[in-house]
Amino acid sequence: MIRSAALAWVSAAWLAGGGPAAAEDGAVPRVTPVVEGTAHQALFAVAFDAERGVAVGAAGELLLTGDRGVSWHPSKQNGATGLSLLGVDVRGAHAVAVGQAGLILVSDGNDAWQKAATAAQERLFAVSMNDAGKAVAVGAFGTIILSADFGRTWRSIAPPDVAQFSDQGAEPHLYAASVGPSGMVTVAGEFGLILRTLDDGGHWSVVHKGEASLFALDLPGAAEGFAVGQSGTILRTGDGGVTWREEPSNTTANLLGVTAAPDGKAIVTAMNSVLVSDDHGSSWRSVAWGDFGSTWYAGAQFVESAPATAILVGHAGRVLRMSL
């Protein structure tokens, strides 16, 4: 089991419960284990740009690949911080990983990682970066920080009173982030919140609110995207995140990760379940394979298109390749 201190949203998912959806008809995905860790390991996030990928996890684990996830090796600085890394993103030679106590690690290639001067002391759950080097990281109690230089320096762009977006008057934890090619920032988290800013935090707009916490966000293109979270919640957008609608998932499992491919295929990782869609998220079916029904996977990202193939990471330091 993962210690609750390692990743708050996984703990929240356990507490809320939920089980796998009933299996449905459809093409059977091919799943291939790539890395087998130990019971005490956990990988929380994975990110790719072309062939290069990085996976991060508990106790500062850093795994690297240069062949779209076919093979992996530990970073030279694997475990150096001792703090859990909870989010990662990769753009070209640049990579940014974030985690506990506001930790930010930055790499400009060649497996050289340095601690960046952080603008946050709270736990950071996710980071997103675009090709121009704009990056946003989000975390506990409404933390939102921005970098314009591939993660080297940061500043807070959180609203002065982030509690205003919660009906309960609480500062919501934010679990997911996306920076678009144009620099638009979208963040998501507790109370079903999805917030957007077009001017680096000068003005924020609320584009969704609800009851279920949102744990992951994927806006891979100009239009279509997904947000997933507590109690089987799947939200879909067809206009780049301006509006969102809920899609039936046929599960009460807590959904931890989402990745979408241009051809309409999508994968959702979860507690005790993995879901796939072949029709742009209009319908979802559970995948019966190995331990999908009894444990958890978190990070996921498509890395190939023919066939559509994604990398999944999760419990026990496991890395899977999954082709739809």
Protein backbone atom coordinates (compact mmCIF):
# COMPACT_ATOMS: atom_id res chain seq x y z
CA MET A 1 0.00 0.00 0.00
CA ILE A 2 1.04 3.57 -0.56
CA ARG A 3 1.48 5.68 2.53
CA SER A 4 -1.03 8.51 2.62
CA ALA A 5 1.84 10.97 3.01
CA ALA A 6 3.16 9.97 -0.38
CA LEU A 7 0.21 11.09 -2.46
CA ALA A 8 -2.90 12.66 -0.99
CA TRP A 9 -5.22 11.98 -3.90
CA VAL A 10 -4.46 8.26 -3.93
CA SER A 11 -5.35 8.16 -0.23
CA ALA A 12 -8.56 10.04 -0.92
CA ALA A 13 -9.38 7.50 -3.60
CA TRP A 14 -8.91 4.59 -1.20
CA LEU A 15 -11.14 6.19 1.39
CA ALA A 16 -13.90 6.87 -1.11
CA GLY A 17 -13.91 3.25 -2.30
CA GLY A 18 -15.34 2.01 -5.59
CA GLY A 19 -14.80 -1.04 -7.77
CA PRO A 20 -14.21 -1.94 -11.39
CA ALA A 21 -16.84 -1.58 -14.08
CA ALA A 22 -18.39 -4.65 -15.61
CA ALA A 23 -16.51 -5.86 -18.66
CA GLU A 24 -17.99 -4.93 -22.02
CA ASP A 25 -17.49 -6.15 -25.56
CA GLY A 26 -14.66 -4.63 -27.57
CA ALA A 27 -11.18 -5.27 -28.90
CA VAL A 28 -8.92 -6.75 -26.23
CA PRO A 29 -5.97 -4.45 -25.50
CA ARG A 30 -2.50 -5.96 -25.49
CA VAL A 31 -0.72 -5.31 -22.18
CA THR A 32 3.00 -5.96 -21.74
CA PRO A 33 4.82 -5.48 -18.42
CA VAL A 34 8.07 -3.59 -18.96
CA VAL A 35 9.34 -2.85 -15.44
CA GLU A 36 8.60 -4.94 -12.37
CA GLY A 37 9.45 -3.14 -9.12
CA THR A 38 9.00 -4.15 -5.49
CA ALA A 39 6.03 -3.94 -3.15
CA HIS A 40 7.51 -0.85 -1.50
CA GLN A 41 7.87 1.13 -4.74
CA ALA A 42 5.25 3.34 -6.37
CA LEU A 43 5.26 5.37 -9.58
CA PHE A 44 2.80 8.27 -9.70
CA ALA A 45 3.36 10.04 -13.04
CA VAL A 46 4.90 9.60 -16.47
CA ALA A 47 5.53 12.01 -19.35
CA PHE A 48 6.94 11.80 -22.87
CA ASP A 49 8.07 14.00 -25.72
CA ALA A 50 8.74 11.80 -28.75
CA GLU A 51 11.14 9.01 -27.71
CA ARG A 52 12.18 10.56 -24.40
CA GLY A 53 10.21 9.78 -21.25
CA VAL A 54 10.46 10.19 -17.48
CA ALA A 55 8.55 8.38 -14.73
CA VAL A 56 8.58 9.58 -11.11
CA GLY A 57 7.49 8.17 -7.80
CA ALA A 58 7.92 7.56 -4.10
CA ALA A 59 11.16 8.42 -2.30
CA GLY A 60 12.44 10.45 -5.25
CA GLU A 61 12.35 7.66 -7.82
CA LEU A 62 13.33 8.78 -11.33
CA LEU A 63 13.18 6.37 -14.28
CA LEU A 64 14.27 7.34 -17.80
CA THR A 65 13.65 5.99 -21.29
CA GLY A 66 14.86 7.00 -24.72
CA ASP A 67 12.84 4.54 -26.82
CA ARG A 68 9.20 5.41 -26.10
CA GLY A 69 9.11 3.28 -23.00
CA VAL A 70 10.36 -0.03 -24.42
CA SER A 71 13.26 -0.03 -21.95
CA TRP A 72 13.92 1.99 -18.76
CA HIS A 73 16.84 2.75 -16.49
CA PRO A 74 17.19 4.63 -13.20
CA SER A 75 18.46 8.18 -13.26
CA LYS A 76 21.89 8.79 -11.77
CA GLN A 77 20.02 10.88 -9.21
CA ASN A 78 17.36 8.27 -8.55
CA GLY A 79 16.20 8.64 -4.94
CA ALA A 80 18.66 11.44 -4.19
CA THR A 81 16.11 13.73 -2.53
CA GLY A 82 14.25 11.12 -0.49
CA LEU A 83 11.07 13.11 -1.14
CA SER A 84 8.30 11.67 -3.29
CA LEU A 85 7.96 13.06 -6.80
CA LEU A 86 4.29 13.30 -7.77
CA GLY A 87 4.23 14.99 -11.18
CA VAL A 88 6.45 15.33 -14.26
CA ASP A 89 6.46 16.78 -17.77
CA VAL A 90 8.92 16.64 -20.68
CA ARG A 91 9.50 18.99 -23.61
CA GLY A 92 12.45 18.28 -25.89
CA ALA A 93 15.59 18.12 -23.75
CA HIS A 94 13.80 19.78 -20.85
CA ALA A 95 12.04 18.00 -18.00
CA VAL A 96 10.44 19.22 -14.76
CA ALA A 97 9.46 16.99 -11.82
CA VAL A 98 7.58 18.20 -8.73
CA GLY A 99 6.69 16.72 -5.39
CA GLN A 100 6.59 16.93 -1.62
CA ALA A 101 7.44 20.11 0.30
CA GLY A 102 7.41 22.19 -2.87
CA LEU A 103 10.28 20.20 -4.41
CA ILE A 104 11.04 21.01 -8.05
CA LEU A 105 13.73 19.22 -10.07
CA VAL A 106 14.75 20.52 -13.50
CA SER A 107 16.74 18.77 -16.21
CA ASP A 108 18.09 20.19 -19.45
CA GLY A 109 19.15 16.78 -20.71
CA ASN A 110 22.00 14.30 -20.12
CA ASP A 111 20.38 13.13 -16.85
CA ALA A 112 21.53 16.27 -15.04
CA TRP A 113 18.89 17.28 -12.48
CA GLN A 114 19.01 20.38 -10.30
CA LYS A 115 16.72 21.72 -7.59
CA ALA A 116 14.93 24.86 -8.74
CA ALA A 117 14.17 27.74 -6.42
CA THR A 118 10.54 27.06 -5.62
CA ALA A 119 7.74 29.54 -5.06
CA ALA A 120 5.82 27.06 -2.91
CA GLN A 121 6.24 25.19 0.34
CA GLU A 122 3.15 23.04 -0.11
CA ARG A 123 3.11 19.63 -1.74
CA LEU A 124 3.03 19.90 -5.54
CA PHE A 125 0.89 17.27 -7.29
CA ALA A 126 1.30 18.01 -11.00
CA VAL A 127 3.22 20.04 -13.56
CA SER A 128 2.61 20.86 -17.22
CA MET A 129 4.91 22.58 -19.72
CA ASN A 130 4.64 23.72 -23.34
CA ASP A 131 7.27 23.92 -26.08
CA ALA A 132 7.96 27.59 -25.33
CA GLY A 133 9.05 26.77 -21.78
CA LYS A 134 5.97 28.00 -19.92
CA ALA A 135 5.24 25.64 -17.04
CA VAL A 136 2.60 25.55 -14.32
CA ALA A 137 2.64 23.44 -11.17
CA VAL A 138 -0.27 22.97 -8.77
CA GLY A 139 -0.62 21.61 -5.29
CA ALA A 140 -2.13 21.67 -1.84
CA PHE A 141 -4.33 24.50 -0.57
CA GLY A 142 -4.76 26.18 -3.94
CA THR A 143 -1.09 26.44 -4.85
CA ILE A 144 -0.49 27.54 -8.46
CA ILE A 145 3.01 28.57 -9.57
CA LEU A 146 4.27 29.57 -13.02
CA SER A 147 7.62 29.40 -14.80
CA ALA A 148 8.57 31.03 -18.10
CA ASP A 149 11.99 29.38 -18.43
CA PHE A 150 11.45 25.59 -18.46
CA GLY A 151 11.12 25.45 -14.69
CA ARG A 152 14.28 27.25 -13.58
CA THR A 153 12.44 30.08 -11.78
CA TRP A 154 8.88 30.31 -10.47
CA ARG A 155 6.30 32.74 -9.14
CA SER A 156 2.84 32.34 -7.66
CA ILE A 157 -0.14 33.08 -9.90
CA ALA A 158 -2.82 31.78 -7.54
CA PRO A 159 -5.83 34.05 -7.03
CA PRO A 160 -5.50 36.19 -3.86
CA ASP A 161 -8.50 34.41 -2.37
CA VAL A 162 -8.58 30.94 -3.89
CA ALA A 163 -11.21 29.91 -1.31
CA GLN A 164 -13.71 32.05 -3.24
CA PHE A 165 -14.04 29.20 -5.74
CA SER A 166 -15.24 26.80 -3.06
CA ASP A 167 -18.78 26.86 -1.70
CA GLN A 168 -17.32 25.59 1.57
CA GLY A 169 -14.92 28.51 1.87
CA ALA A 170 -11.91 26.17 1.91
CA GLU A 171 -8.70 26.43 -0.05
CA PRO A 172 -9.05 23.58 -2.55
CA HIS A 173 -6.23 21.19 -3.28
CA LEU A 174 -5.38 21.30 -6.99
CA TYR A 175 -4.31 17.99 -8.53
CA ALA A 176 -3.97 18.57 -12.29
CA ALA A 177 -2.68 21.21 -14.70
CA SER A 178 -2.34 21.88 -18.41
CA VAL A 179 -0.49 24.57 -20.36
CA GLY A 180 -1.60 24.87 -23.98
CA PRO A 181 0.53 25.88 -26.98
CA SER A 182 -0.83 29.43 -26.76
CA GLY A 183 -0.02 29.64 -23.04
CA MET A 184 -3.55 29.15 -21.73
CA VAL A 185 -3.41 27.59 -18.26
CA THR A 186 -6.05 25.15 -17.01
CA VAL A 187 -6.02 23.64 -13.51
CA ALA A 188 -8.35 21.19 -11.75
CA GLY A 189 -8.89 19.78 -8.29
CA GLU A 190 -11.22 19.53 -5.33
CA PHE A 191 -14.93 20.42 -5.53
CA GLY A 192 -14.91 19.57 -9.24
CA LEU A 193 -13.09 22.82 -9.92
CA ILE A 194 -11.66 23.58 -13.35
CA LEU A 195 -10.12 27.06 -13.59
CA ARG A 196 -8.64 28.81 -16.64
CA THR A 197 -6.48 31.86 -17.16
CA LEU A 198 -5.44 33.46 -20.44
CA ASP A 199 -3.13 36.06 -18.90
CA ASP A 200 -0.84 34.15 -16.53
CA GLY A 201 -3.11 34.48 -13.53
CA GLY A 202 -4.22 38.06 -13.99
CA HIS A 203 -7.79 36.84 -14.34
CA TRP A 204 -9.22 33.42 -13.53
CA SER A 205 -12.49 31.98 -14.78
CA VAL A 206 -14.40 29.03 -13.33
CA VAL A 207 -15.45 26.70 -16.14
CA HIS A 208 -16.66 23.80 -13.96
CA LYS A 209 -17.69 23.09 -10.37
CA GLY A 210 -19.12 19.97 -8.80
CA GLU A 211 -18.93 17.59 -5.88
CA ALA A 212 -16.33 15.07 -7.05
CA SER A 213 -12.64 15.94 -6.84
CA LEU A 214 -10.79 15.87 -10.17
CA PHE A 215 -7.43 14.08 -10.11
CA ALA A 216 -6.20 14.23 -13.71
CA LEU A 217 -6.53 16.38 -16.82
CA ASP A 218 -5.55 15.86 -20.45
CA LEU A 219 -5.96 18.57 -23.08
CA PRO A 220 -3.82 17.14 -25.88
CA GLY A 221 -5.15 19.25 -28.74
CA ALA A 222 -6.97 22.43 -29.61
CA ALA A 223 -10.43 21.03 -28.93
CA GLU A 224 -10.94 17.65 -27.26
CA GLY A 225 -9.88 16.83 -23.73
CA PHE A 226 -10.78 15.00 -20.50
CA ALA A 227 -10.79 15.45 -16.75
CA VAL A 228 -11.31 12.46 -14.43
CA GLY A 229 -11.69 11.96 -10.72
CA GLN A 230 -13.63 10.73 -7.75
CA SER A 231 -16.47 8.19 -7.93
CA GLY A 232 -16.04 7.42 -11.63
CA THR A 233 -16.29 11.03 -12.79
CA ILE A 234 -15.31 11.61 -16.42
CA LEU A 235 -15.69 15.08 -17.93
CA ARG A 236 -15.19 15.77 -21.63
CA THR A 237 -14.61 19.02 -23.49
CA GLY A 238 -14.92 19.59 -27.23
CA ASP A 239 -13.87 23.23 -27.25
CA GLY A 240 -10.47 23.24 -25.59
CA GLY A 241 -11.75 23.42 -22.05
CA VAL A 242 -14.24 26.28 -22.31
CA THR A 243 -17.18 24.00 -21.48
CA TRP A 244 -17.36 20.52 -19.96
CA ARG A 245 -19.96 17.76 -19.80
CA GLU A 246 -20.03 14.55 -17.80
CA GLU A 247 -19.88 11.22 -19.60
CA PRO A 248 -21.10 7.92 -18.11
CA SER A 249 -18.20 5.76 -16.96
CA ASN A 250 -20.23 2.82 -15.60
CA THR A 251 -17.99 2.65 -12.54
CA THR A 252 -17.70 4.13 -9.06
CA ALA A 253 -13.94 3.64 -9.00
CA ASN A 254 -11.75 6.66 -8.33
CA LEU A 255 -10.07 7.62 -11.58
CA LEU A 256 -6.45 8.73 -11.25
CA GLY A 257 -5.09 9.33 -14.75
CA VAL A 258 -6.21 9.95 -18.32
CA THR A 259 -4.57 10.06 -21.73
CA ALA A 260 -6.17 10.62 -25.14
CA ALA A 261 -4.96 9.87 -28.67
CA PRO A 262 -5.85 11.85 -31.83
CA ASP A 263 -7.73 8.88 -33.32
CA GLY A 264 -10.36 8.94 -30.55
CA LYS A 265 -8.89 6.28 -28.31
CA ALA A 266 -8.45 7.07 -24.62
CA ILE A 267 -7.30 5.31 -21.46
CA VAL A 268 -8.23 6.04 -17.84
CA THR A 269 -6.23 4.56 -14.96
CA ALA A 270 -7.90 4.02 -11.61
CA MET A 271 -8.22 2.28 -8.30
CA ASN A 272 -9.11 -1.34 -9.09
CA SER A 273 -9.85 -0.61 -12.74
CA VAL A 274 -8.51 0.52 -16.11
CA LEU A 275 -11.00 1.93 -18.63
CA VAL A 276 -10.66 2.42 -22.38
CA SER A 277 -12.66 4.25 -25.02
CA ASP A 278 -12.59 3.87 -28.81
CA ASP A 279 -15.03 6.69 -29.61
CA HIS A 280 -13.58 9.93 -28.23
CA GLY A 281 -14.88 9.19 -24.74
CA SER A 282 -18.56 8.72 -25.58
CA SER A 283 -18.48 5.22 -24.08
CA TRP A 284 -16.07 3.37 -21.81
CA ARG A 285 -15.34 -0.28 -21.01
CA SER A 286 -13.18 -1.90 -18.37
CA VAL A 287 -10.13 -3.97 -19.25
CA ALA A 288 -9.74 -7.41 -17.70
CA TRP A 289 -6.00 -8.02 -17.37
CA GLY A 290 -3.64 -9.13 -14.65
CA ASP A 291 -4.04 -7.03 -11.50
CA PHE A 292 -6.19 -4.24 -12.99
CA GLY A 293 -9.13 -5.31 -10.84
CA SER A 294 -7.29 -5.44 -7.53
CA THR A 295 -4.80 -2.57 -7.32
CA TRP A 296 -4.00 0.83 -8.87
CA TYR A 297 -2.26 2.53 -11.78
CA ALA A 298 -1.90 6.29 -11.95
CA GLY A 299 0.09 8.00 -14.72
CA ALA A 300 -0.54 7.21 -18.39
CA GLN A 301 0.47 8.69 -21.74
CA PHE A 302 0.12 7.59 -25.36
CA VAL A 303 3.49 7.21 -27.08
CA GLU A 304 2.64 5.61 -30.44
CA SER A 305 -0.24 5.84 -32.90
CA ALA A 306 -0.09 2.63 -34.99
CA PRO A 307 -1.31 0.84 -33.01
CA ALA A 308 -2.29 3.35 -30.33
CA THR A 309 0.07 2.48 -27.48
CA ALA A 310 0.35 4.03 -24.04
CA ILE A 311 2.66 3.69 -21.07
CA LEU A 312 1.00 3.12 -17.67
CA VAL A 313 2.76 3.40 -14.29
CA GLY A 314 1.58 2.58 -10.81
CA HIS A 315 1.85 0.33 -7.77
CA ALA A 316 5.01 -1.65 -6.96
CA GLY A 317 7.01 0.50 -9.39
CA ARG A 318 5.34 -1.18 -12.36
CA VAL A 319 5.55 0.12 -15.94
CA LEU A 320 3.24 -1.33 -18.61
CA ARG A 321 2.89 -0.89 -22.37
CA MET A 322 -0.74 -1.07 -23.46
CA SER A 323 -1.84 -1.19 -27.12
CA LEU A 324 -5.47 -0.67 -28.18
